[in-house]
PDB file of all heavy atoms in Angstrom:
ATOM      1  N   HIS A   1       0.810  -1.240   0.019  1.00  0.00           N
ATOM      2  CA  HIS A   1      -0.015   0.015  -0.001  1.00  0.00           C
ATOM      3  C   HIS A   1       0.922   1.233  -0.031  1.00  0.00           C
ATOM      4  O   HIS A   1       0.545   2.195  -0.771  1.00  0.00           O
ATOM      5  CB  HIS A   1      -1.002  -0.057   1.218  1.00  0.00           C
ATOM      6  CG  HIS A   1      -1.823   1.207   1.300  1.00  0.00           C
ATOM      7  ND1 HIS A   1      -2.984   1.357   0.590  1.00  0.00           N
ATOM      8  CD2 HIS A   1      -1.621   2.387   1.979  1.00  0.00           C
ATOM      9  CE1 HIS A   1      -3.386   2.584   0.845  1.00  0.00           C
ATOM     10  NE2 HIS A   1      -2.699   3.189   1.733  1.00  0.00           N
ATOM     11  N   ASP A   2       1.868   1.211   0.832  1.00  0.00           N
ATOM     12  CA  ASP A   2       2.782   2.399   0.895  1.00  0.00           C
ATOM     13  C   ASP A   2       3.520   2.590  -0.369  1.00  0.00           C
ATOM     14  O   ASP A   2       3.921   3.844  -0.717  1.00  0.00           O
ATOM     15  CB  ASP A   2       3.712   2.194   2.118  1.00  0.00           C
ATOM     16  CG  ASP A   2       3.092   2.235   3.409  1.00  0.00           C
ATOM     17  OD1 ASP A   2       1.948   2.766   3.492  1.00  0.00           O
ATOM     18  OD2 ASP A   2       3.764   1.868   4.416  1.00  0.00           O
ATOM     19  N   SER A   3       3.719   1.605  -1.147  1.00  0.00           N
ATOM     20  CA  SER A   3       4.477   1.807  -2.359  1.00  0.00           C
ATOM     21  C   SER A   3       3.478   2.032  -3.578  1.00  0.00           C
ATOM     22  O   SER A   3       3.838   1.762  -4.804  1.00  0.00           O
ATOM     23  CB  SER A   3       5.301   0.610  -2.760  1.00  0.00           C
ATOM     24  OG  SER A   3       4.579  -0.593  -2.934  1.00  0.00           O
ATOM     25  N   THR A   4       2.273   2.305  -3.247  1.00  0.00           N
ATOM     26  CA  THR A   4       1.052   2.488  -4.232  1.00  0.00           C
ATOM     27  C   THR A   4       0.696   1.408  -5.155  1.00  0.00           C
ATOM     28  O   THR A   4       0.176   1.538  -6.227  1.00  0.00           O
ATOM     29  CB  THR A   4       1.408   3.822  -5.098  1.00  0.00           C
ATOM     30  OG1 THR A   4       2.481   3.556  -5.958  1.00  0.00           O
ATOM     31  CG2 THR A   4       1.768   5.059  -4.267  1.00  0.00           C
ATOM     32  N   ASN A   5       1.062   0.137  -4.716  1.00  0.00           N
ATOM     33  CA  ASN A   5       0.667  -1.046  -5.439  1.00  0.00           C
ATOM     34  C   ASN A   5      -0.623  -1.509  -4.761  1.00  0.00           C
ATOM     35  O   ASN A   5      -0.756  -2.479  -4.051  1.00  0.00           O
ATOM     36  CB  ASN A   5       1.755  -2.050  -5.357  1.00  0.00           C
ATOM     37  CG  ASN A   5       1.493  -3.228  -6.290  1.00  0.00           C
ATOM     38  OD1 ASN A   5       0.427  -3.264  -6.859  1.00  0.00           O
ATOM     39  ND2 ASN A   5       2.418  -4.128  -6.418  1.00  0.00           N
ATOM     40  N   TYR A   6      -1.758  -0.672  -4.917  1.00  0.00           N
ATOM     41  CA  TYR A   6      -2.999  -0.918  -4.210  1.00  0.00           C
ATOM     42  C   TYR A   6      -3.671  -2.342  -4.616  1.00  0.00           C
ATOM     43  O   TYR A   6      -4.224  -2.828  -3.654  1.00  0.00           O
ATOM     44  CB  TYR A   6      -3.925   0.247  -4.494  1.00  0.00           C
ATOM     45  CG  TYR A   6      -3.277   1.635  -4.089  1.00  0.00           C
ATOM     46  CD1 TYR A   6      -3.067   2.497  -5.017  1.00  0.00           C
ATOM     47  CD2 TYR A   6      -2.939   1.810  -2.821  1.00  0.00           C
ATOM     48  CE1 TYR A   6      -2.537   3.775  -4.648  1.00  0.00           C
ATOM     49  CE2 TYR A   6      -2.355   3.056  -2.428  1.00  0.00           C
ATOM     50  CZ  TYR A   6      -2.153   3.930  -3.410  1.00  0.00           C
ATOM     51  OH  TYR A   6      -1.574   5.207  -3.093  1.00  0.00           O
ATOM     52  N   GLU A   7      -3.625  -2.661  -5.789  1.00  0.00           N
ATOM     53  CA  GLU A   7      -4.281  -3.900  -6.110  1.00  0.00           C
ATOM     54  C   GLU A   7      -3.684  -5.074  -5.417  1.00  0.00           C
ATOM     55  O   GLU A   7      -4.275  -5.964  -4.836  1.00  0.00           O
ATOM     56  CB  GLU A   7      -4.225  -4.114  -7.593  1.00  0.00           C
ATOM     57  CG  GLU A   7      -5.003  -5.340  -8.106  1.00  0.00           C
ATOM     58  CD  GLU A   7      -4.968  -5.471  -9.605  1.00  0.00           C
ATOM     59  OE1 GLU A   7      -4.544  -4.564 -10.339  1.00  0.00           O
ATOM     60  OE2 GLU A   7      -5.466  -6.581 -10.064  1.00  0.00           O
ATOM     61  N   TYR A   8      -2.307  -5.174  -5.388  1.00  0.00           N
ATOM     62  CA  TYR A   8      -1.704  -6.287  -4.700  1.00  0.00           C
ATOM     63  C   TYR A   8      -1.922  -6.197  -3.093  1.00  0.00           C
ATOM     64  O   TYR A   8      -2.046  -7.077  -2.410  1.00  0.00           O
ATOM     65  CB  TYR A   8      -0.223  -6.249  -4.983  1.00  0.00           C
ATOM     66  CG  TYR A   8       0.576  -7.475  -4.331  1.00  0.00           C
ATOM     67  CD1 TYR A   8       0.211  -8.786  -4.614  1.00  0.00           C
ATOM     68  CD2 TYR A   8       1.739  -7.150  -3.643  1.00  0.00           C
ATOM     69  CE1 TYR A   8       1.021  -9.703  -4.046  1.00  0.00           C
ATOM     70  CE2 TYR A   8       2.500  -8.109  -3.046  1.00  0.00           C
ATOM     71  CZ  TYR A   8       2.031  -9.462  -3.249  1.00  0.00           C
ATOM     72  OH  TYR A   8       2.796 -10.411  -2.605  1.00  0.00           O
ATOM     73  N   ALA A   9      -1.930  -4.904  -2.684  1.00  0.00           N
ATOM     74  CA  ALA A   9      -2.223  -4.664  -1.257  1.00  0.00           C
ATOM     75  C   ALA A   9      -3.609  -5.186  -0.907  1.00  0.00           C
ATOM     76  O   ALA A   9      -3.663  -5.782   0.195  1.00  0.00           O
ATOM     77  CB  ALA A   9      -2.080  -3.177  -0.928  1.00  0.00           C
ATOM     78  N   MET A  10      -4.655  -4.944  -1.709  1.00  0.00           N
ATOM     79  CA  MET A  10      -5.887  -5.488  -1.432  1.00  0.00           C
ATOM     80  C   MET A  10      -5.887  -7.025  -1.413  1.00  0.00           C
ATOM     81  O   MET A  10      -6.552  -7.588  -0.499  1.00  0.00           O
ATOM     82  CB  MET A  10      -6.886  -4.946  -2.477  1.00  0.00           C
ATOM     83  CG  MET A  10      -7.139  -3.551  -2.353  1.00  0.00           C
ATOM     84  SD  MET A  10      -8.123  -2.890  -3.722  1.00  0.00           S
ATOM     85  CE  MET A  10      -9.402  -4.009  -3.940  1.00  0.00           C
ATOM     86  N   THR A  11      -5.150  -7.595  -2.279  1.00  0.00           N
ATOM     87  CA  THR A  11      -5.156  -9.070  -2.268  1.00  0.00           C
ATOM     88  C   THR A  11      -4.420  -9.604  -0.983  1.00  0.00           C
ATOM     89  O   THR A  11      -4.987 -10.495  -0.425  1.00  0.00           O
ATOM     90  CB  THR A  11      -4.246  -9.606  -3.527  1.00  0.00           C
ATOM     91  OG1 THR A  11      -4.810  -9.117  -4.622  1.00  0.00           O
ATOM     92  CG2 THR A  11      -4.189 -11.013  -3.502  1.00  0.00           C
ATOM     93  N   LEU A  12      -3.398  -8.933  -0.590  1.00  0.00           N
ATOM     94  CA  LEU A  12      -2.791  -9.364   0.681  1.00  0.00           C
ATOM     95  C   LEU A  12      -3.692  -9.164   1.964  1.00  0.00           C
ATOM     96  O   LEU A  12      -3.683  -9.832   2.818  1.00  0.00           O
ATOM     97  CB  LEU A  12      -1.462  -8.638   0.852  1.00  0.00           C
ATOM     98  CG  LEU A  12      -0.344  -9.020  -0.090  1.00  0.00           C
ATOM     99  CD1 LEU A  12       0.782  -8.190  -0.102  1.00  0.00           C
ATOM    100  CD2 LEU A  12       0.127 -10.507   0.081  1.00  0.00           C
ATOM    101  N   TRP A  13      -4.385  -8.013   1.940  1.00  0.00           N
ATOM    102  CA  TRP A  13      -5.282  -7.656   3.043  1.00  0.00           C
ATOM    103  C   TRP A  13      -6.406  -8.829   3.114  1.00  0.00           C
ATOM    104  O   TRP A  13      -6.591  -9.340   4.261  1.00  0.00           O
ATOM    105  CB  TRP A  13      -6.045  -6.332   2.804  1.00  0.00           C
ATOM    106  CG  TRP A  13      -5.174  -5.202   3.098  1.00  0.00           C
ATOM    107  CD1 TRP A  13      -4.901  -4.173   2.124  1.00  0.00           C
ATOM    108  CD2 TRP A  13      -4.414  -4.818   4.282  1.00  0.00           C
ATOM    109  NE1 TRP A  13      -4.095  -3.283   2.705  1.00  0.00           N
ATOM    110  CE2 TRP A  13      -3.820  -3.561   3.983  1.00  0.00           C
ATOM    111  CE3 TRP A  13      -4.245  -5.337   5.481  1.00  0.00           C
ATOM    112  CZ2 TRP A  13      -3.008  -2.914   4.816  1.00  0.00           C
ATOM    113  CZ3 TRP A  13      -3.402  -4.620   6.397  1.00  0.00           C
ATOM    114  CH2 TRP A  13      -2.776  -3.425   6.063  1.00  0.00           C
ATOM    115  N   VAL A  14      -6.838  -9.236   1.960  1.00  0.00           N
ATOM    116  CA  VAL A  14      -8.026 -10.226   2.047  1.00  0.00           C
ATOM    117  C   VAL A  14      -7.442 -11.610   2.450  1.00  0.00           C
ATOM    118  O   VAL A  14      -8.067 -12.336   3.211  1.00  0.00           O
ATOM    119  CB  VAL A  14      -8.575 -10.329   0.584  1.00  0.00           C
ATOM    120  CG1 VAL A  14      -9.457 -11.556   0.511  1.00  0.00           C
ATOM    121  CG2 VAL A  14      -9.436  -9.129   0.396  1.00  0.00           C
ATOM    122  N   ARG A  15      -6.192 -11.862   1.995  1.00  0.00           N
ATOM    123  CA  ARG A  15      -5.583 -13.225   2.327  1.00  0.00           C
ATOM    124  C   ARG A  15      -5.306 -13.217   3.843  1.00  0.00           C
ATOM    125  O   ARG A  15      -5.430 -14.228   4.567  1.00  0.00           O
ATOM    126  CB  ARG A  15      -4.289 -13.492   1.588  1.00  0.00           C
ATOM    127  CG  ARG A  15      -4.638 -13.740   0.095  1.00  0.00           C
ATOM    128  CD  ARG A  15      -3.458 -14.010  -0.620  1.00  0.00           C
ATOM    129  NE  ARG A  15      -3.113 -15.454  -0.368  1.00  0.00           N
ATOM    130  CZ  ARG A  15      -1.909 -16.007  -0.793  1.00  0.00           C
ATOM    131  NH1 ARG A  15      -1.248 -15.267  -1.718  1.00  0.00           N
ATOM    132  NH2 ARG A  15      -1.540 -17.085  -0.490  1.00  0.00           N
ATOM    133  N   GLY A  16      -4.846 -12.094   4.400  1.00  0.00           N
ATOM    134  CA  GLY A  16      -4.613 -11.962   5.850  1.00  0.00           C
ATOM    135  C   GLY A  16      -5.968 -12.083   6.647  1.00  0.00           C
ATOM    136  O   GLY A  16      -6.085 -12.666   7.697  1.00  0.00           O
ATOM    137  N   ILE A  17      -6.996 -11.383   6.152  1.00  0.00           N
ATOM    138  CA  ILE A  17      -8.284 -11.423   6.828  1.00  0.00           C
ATOM    139  C   ILE A  17      -8.926 -12.859   6.845  1.00  0.00           C
ATOM    140  O   ILE A  17      -9.623 -13.162   7.696  1.00  0.00           O
ATOM    141  CB  ILE A  17      -9.297 -10.344   6.125  1.00  0.00           C
ATOM    142  CG1 ILE A  17      -8.761  -8.925   6.439  1.00  0.00           C
ATOM    143  CG2 ILE A  17     -10.631 -10.564   6.598  1.00  0.00           C
ATOM    144  CD1 ILE A  17      -9.466  -7.824   5.571  1.00  0.00           C
ATOM    145  N   ALA A  18      -8.565 -13.628   5.872  1.00  0.00           N
ATOM    146  CA  ALA A  18      -9.050 -15.019   5.837  1.00  0.00           C
ATOM    147  C   ALA A  18      -8.516 -15.761   7.054  1.00  0.00           C
ATOM    148  O   ALA A  18      -9.177 -16.637   7.647  1.00  0.00           O
ATOM    149  CB  ALA A  18      -8.609 -15.721   4.619  1.00  0.00           C
ATOM    150  N   PHE A  19      -7.328 -15.383   7.571  1.00  0.00           N
ATOM    151  CA  PHE A  19      -6.793 -16.015   8.729  1.00  0.00           C
ATOM    152  C   PHE A  19      -7.328 -15.409  10.032  1.00  0.00           C
ATOM    153  O   PHE A  19      -7.269 -16.024  11.076  1.00  0.00           O
ATOM    154  CB  PHE A  19      -5.228 -15.992   8.720  1.00  0.00           C
ATOM    155  CG  PHE A  19      -4.570 -16.934   7.724  1.00  0.00           C
ATOM    156  CD1 PHE A  19      -3.949 -16.437   6.590  1.00  0.00           C
ATOM    157  CD2 PHE A  19      -4.609 -18.312   7.947  1.00  0.00           C
ATOM    158  CE1 PHE A  19      -3.388 -17.213   5.656  1.00  0.00           C
ATOM    159  CE2 PHE A  19      -3.964 -19.161   7.078  1.00  0.00           C
ATOM    160  CZ  PHE A  19      -3.401 -18.735   5.897  1.00  0.00           C
ATOM    161  N   ASP A  20      -7.581 -14.162   9.977  1.00  0.00           N
ATOM    162  CA  ASP A  20      -8.119 -13.455  11.189  1.00  0.00           C
ATOM    163  C   ASP A  20      -9.089 -12.372  10.839  1.00  0.00           C
ATOM    164  O   ASP A  20      -8.920 -11.197  10.704  1.00  0.00           O
ATOM    165  CB  ASP A  20      -6.923 -12.737  11.891  1.00  0.00           C
ATOM    166  CG  ASP A  20      -7.371 -12.205  13.255  1.00  0.00           C
ATOM    167  OD1 ASP A  20      -8.551 -12.552  13.725  1.00  0.00           O
ATOM    168  OD2 ASP A  20      -6.494 -11.458  13.844  1.00  0.00           O
ATOM    169  N   PRO A  21     -10.438 -12.953  10.709  1.00  0.00           N
ATOM    170  CA  PRO A  21     -11.506 -12.026  10.247  1.00  0.00           C
ATOM    171  C   PRO A  21     -11.957 -11.011  11.288  1.00  0.00           C
ATOM    172  O   PRO A  21     -12.752 -10.148  11.044  1.00  0.00           O
ATOM    173  CB  PRO A  21     -12.620 -12.894   9.786  1.00  0.00           C
ATOM    174  CG  PRO A  21     -12.376 -14.198  10.449  1.00  0.00           C
ATOM    175  CD  PRO A  21     -10.898 -14.277  10.597  1.00  0.00           C
ATOM    176  N   THR A  22     -11.452 -11.117  12.512  1.00  0.00           N
ATOM    177  CA  THR A  22     -11.782 -10.271  13.635  1.00  0.00           C
ATOM    178  C   THR A  22     -11.006  -9.028  13.658  1.00  0.00           C
ATOM    179  O   THR A  22     -11.294  -8.157  14.508  1.00  0.00           O
ATOM    180  CB  THR A  22     -11.726 -11.046  14.921  1.00  0.00           C
ATOM    181  OG1 THR A  22     -10.252 -11.374  15.143  1.00  0.00           O
ATOM    182  CG2 THR A  22     -12.604 -12.295  14.989  1.00  0.00           C
ATOM    183  N   ASP A  23      -9.960  -8.907  12.795  1.00  0.00           N
ATOM    184  CA  ASP A  23      -9.051  -7.683  12.844  1.00  0.00           C
ATOM    185  C   ASP A  23      -9.785  -6.464  12.129  1.00  0.00           C
ATOM    186  O   ASP A  23      -9.694  -6.367  10.931  1.00  0.00           O
ATOM    187  CB  ASP A  23      -7.746  -8.136  12.284  1.00  0.00           C
ATOM    188  CG  ASP A  23      -6.760  -6.993  12.612  1.00  0.00           C
ATOM    189  OD1 ASP A  23      -7.015  -5.855  12.801  1.00  0.00           O
ATOM    190  OD2 ASP A  23      -5.443  -7.277  12.520  1.00  0.00           O
ATOM    191  N   LEU A  24     -10.425  -5.608  12.861  1.00  0.00           N
ATOM    192  CA  LEU A  24     -11.133  -4.488  12.271  1.00  0.00           C
ATOM    193  C   LEU A  24     -10.175  -3.536  11.579  1.00  0.00           C
ATOM    194  O   LEU A  24     -10.458  -2.839  10.556  1.00  0.00           O
ATOM    195  CB  LEU A  24     -12.028  -3.848  13.212  1.00  0.00           C
ATOM    196  CG  LEU A  24     -12.829  -2.708  12.760  1.00  0.00           C
ATOM    197  CD1 LEU A  24     -13.779  -3.158  11.628  1.00  0.00           C
ATOM    198  CD2 LEU A  24     -13.610  -2.069  13.808  1.00  0.00           C
ATOM    199  N   ASP A  25      -8.988  -3.361  12.161  1.00  0.00           N
ATOM    200  CA  ASP A  25      -7.991  -2.444  11.667  1.00  0.00           C
ATOM    201  C   ASP A  25      -7.555  -2.836  10.210  1.00  0.00           C
ATOM    202  O   ASP A  25      -7.443  -2.084   9.265  1.00  0.00           O
ATOM    203  CB  ASP A  25      -6.719  -2.382  12.492  1.00  0.00           C
ATOM    204  CG  ASP A  25      -5.784  -1.349  12.048  1.00  0.00           C
ATOM    205  OD1 ASP A  25      -6.185  -0.188  11.720  1.00  0.00           O
ATOM    206  OD2 ASP A  25      -4.487  -1.638  12.119  1.00  0.00           O
ATOM    207  N   ALA A  26      -7.439  -4.113   9.966  1.00  0.00           N
ATOM    208  CA  ALA A  26      -7.067  -4.666   8.705  1.00  0.00           C
ATOM    209  C   ALA A  26      -8.174  -4.428   7.726  1.00  0.00           C
ATOM    210  O   ALA A  26      -7.917  -4.134   6.507  1.00  0.00           O
ATOM    211  CB  ALA A  26      -6.613  -6.173   8.797  1.00  0.00           C
ATOM    212  N   ILE A  27      -9.385  -4.592   8.179  1.00  0.00           N
ATOM    213  CA  ILE A  27     -10.568  -4.406   7.183  1.00  0.00           C
ATOM    214  C   ILE A  27     -10.600  -2.933   6.824  1.00  0.00           C
ATOM    215  O   ILE A  27     -10.883  -2.618   5.604  1.00  0.00           O
ATOM    216  CB  ILE A  27     -11.882  -4.814   7.925  1.00  0.00           C
ATOM    217  CG1 ILE A  27     -11.855  -6.302   8.136  1.00  0.00           C
ATOM    218  CG2 ILE A  27     -13.116  -4.420   7.105  1.00  0.00           C
ATOM    219  CD1 ILE A  27     -12.975  -6.908   9.076  1.00  0.00           C
ATOM    220  N   GLU A  28     -10.336  -1.990   7.776  1.00  0.00           N
ATOM    221  CA  GLU A  28     -10.291  -0.592   7.368  1.00  0.00           C
ATOM    222  C   GLU A  28      -9.228  -0.223   6.418  1.00  0.00           C
ATOM    223  O   GLU A  28      -9.323   0.558   5.500  1.00  0.00           O
ATOM    224  CB  GLU A  28     -10.161   0.264   8.673  1.00  0.00           C
ATOM    225  CG  GLU A  28     -11.379   0.225   9.507  1.00  0.00           C
ATOM    226  CD  GLU A  28     -11.195   0.814  10.858  1.00  0.00           C
ATOM    227  OE1 GLU A  28     -10.146   1.168  11.181  1.00  0.00           O
ATOM    228  OE2 GLU A  28     -12.247   1.052  11.565  1.00  0.00           O
ATOM    229  N   LYS A  29      -8.052  -0.869   6.617  1.00  0.00           N
ATOM    230  CA  LYS A  29      -6.887  -0.621   5.729  1.00  0.00           C
ATOM    231  C   LYS A  29      -7.165  -1.299   4.395  1.00  0.00           C
ATOM    232  O   LYS A  29      -6.631  -0.743   3.328  1.00  0.00           O
ATOM    233  CB  LYS A  29      -5.614  -1.185   6.361  1.00  0.00           C
ATOM    234  CG  LYS A  29      -5.172  -0.340   7.489  1.00  0.00           C
ATOM    235  CD  LYS A  29      -3.836  -0.867   8.144  1.00  0.00           C
ATOM    236  CE  LYS A  29      -3.468  -0.065   9.225  1.00  0.00           C
ATOM    237  NZ  LYS A  29      -2.087  -0.418   9.757  1.00  0.00           N
ATOM    238  N   PHE A  30      -7.850  -2.349   4.338  1.00  0.00           N
ATOM    239  CA  PHE A  30      -8.236  -2.911   3.050  1.00  0.00           C
ATOM    240  C   PHE A  30      -9.141  -1.876   2.265  1.00  0.00           C
ATOM    241  O   PHE A  30      -8.922  -1.662   1.078  1.00  0.00           O
ATOM    242  CB  PHE A  30      -8.999  -4.242   3.184  1.00  0.00           C
ATOM    243  CG  PHE A  30      -9.751  -4.657   1.951  1.00  0.00           C
ATOM    244  CD1 PHE A  30      -8.988  -5.278   0.975  1.00  0.00           C
ATOM    245  CD2 PHE A  30     -11.140  -4.375   1.777  1.00  0.00           C
ATOM    246  CE1 PHE A  30      -9.701  -5.654  -0.202  1.00  0.00           C
ATOM    247  CE2 PHE A  30     -11.746  -4.822   0.647  1.00  0.00           C
ATOM    248  CZ  PHE A  30     -11.085  -5.523  -0.394  1.00  0.00           C
ATOM    249  N   ALA A  31     -10.074  -1.232   2.914  1.00  0.00           N
ATOM    250  CA  ALA A  31     -10.931  -0.210   2.391  1.00  0.00           C
ATOM    251  C   ALA A  31     -10.116   0.988   1.908  1.00  0.00           C
ATOM    252  O   ALA A  31     -10.428   1.467   0.760  1.00  0.00           O
ATOM    253  CB  ALA A  31     -12.010   0.134   3.322  1.00  0.00           C
ATOM    254  N   ALA A  32      -9.080   1.369   2.652  1.00  0.00           N
ATOM    255  CA  ALA A  32      -8.260   2.395   2.219  1.00  0.00           C
ATOM    256  C   ALA A  32      -7.493   2.157   0.960  1.00  0.00           C
ATOM    257  O   ALA A  32      -7.327   2.976   0.141  1.00  0.00           O
ATOM    258  CB  ALA A  32      -7.319   2.749   3.326  1.00  0.00           C
ATOM    259  N   SER A  33      -7.073   0.844   0.854  1.00  0.00           N
ATOM    260  CA  SER A  33      -6.383   0.431  -0.436  1.00  0.00           C
ATOM    261  C   SER A  33      -7.336   0.317  -1.549  1.00  0.00           C
ATOM    262  O   SER A  33      -6.987   0.714  -2.726  1.00  0.00           O
ATOM    263  CB  SER A  33      -5.685  -0.948  -0.188  1.00  0.00           C
ATOM    264  OG  SER A  33      -4.655  -0.850   0.695  1.00  0.00           O
ATOM    265  N   ALA A  34      -8.638   0.091  -1.306  1.00  0.00           N
ATOM    266  CA  ALA A  34      -9.606   0.026  -2.364  1.00  0.00           C
ATOM    267  C   ALA A  34      -9.911   1.397  -2.834  1.00  0.00           C
ATOM    268  O   ALA A  34     -10.179   1.644  -3.990  1.00  0.00           O
ATOM    269  CB  ALA A  34     -10.843  -0.638  -1.843  1.00  0.00           C
TER     270      ALA A  34
END
């Protein structure tokens, strides 16, 4: 995300959320990347 590769960042956020869907901060950061 910091390197402006938003599409790949979104993929990584989703893959991480699959392991821990309770992390609200990650969900918000996914939305920021989107």
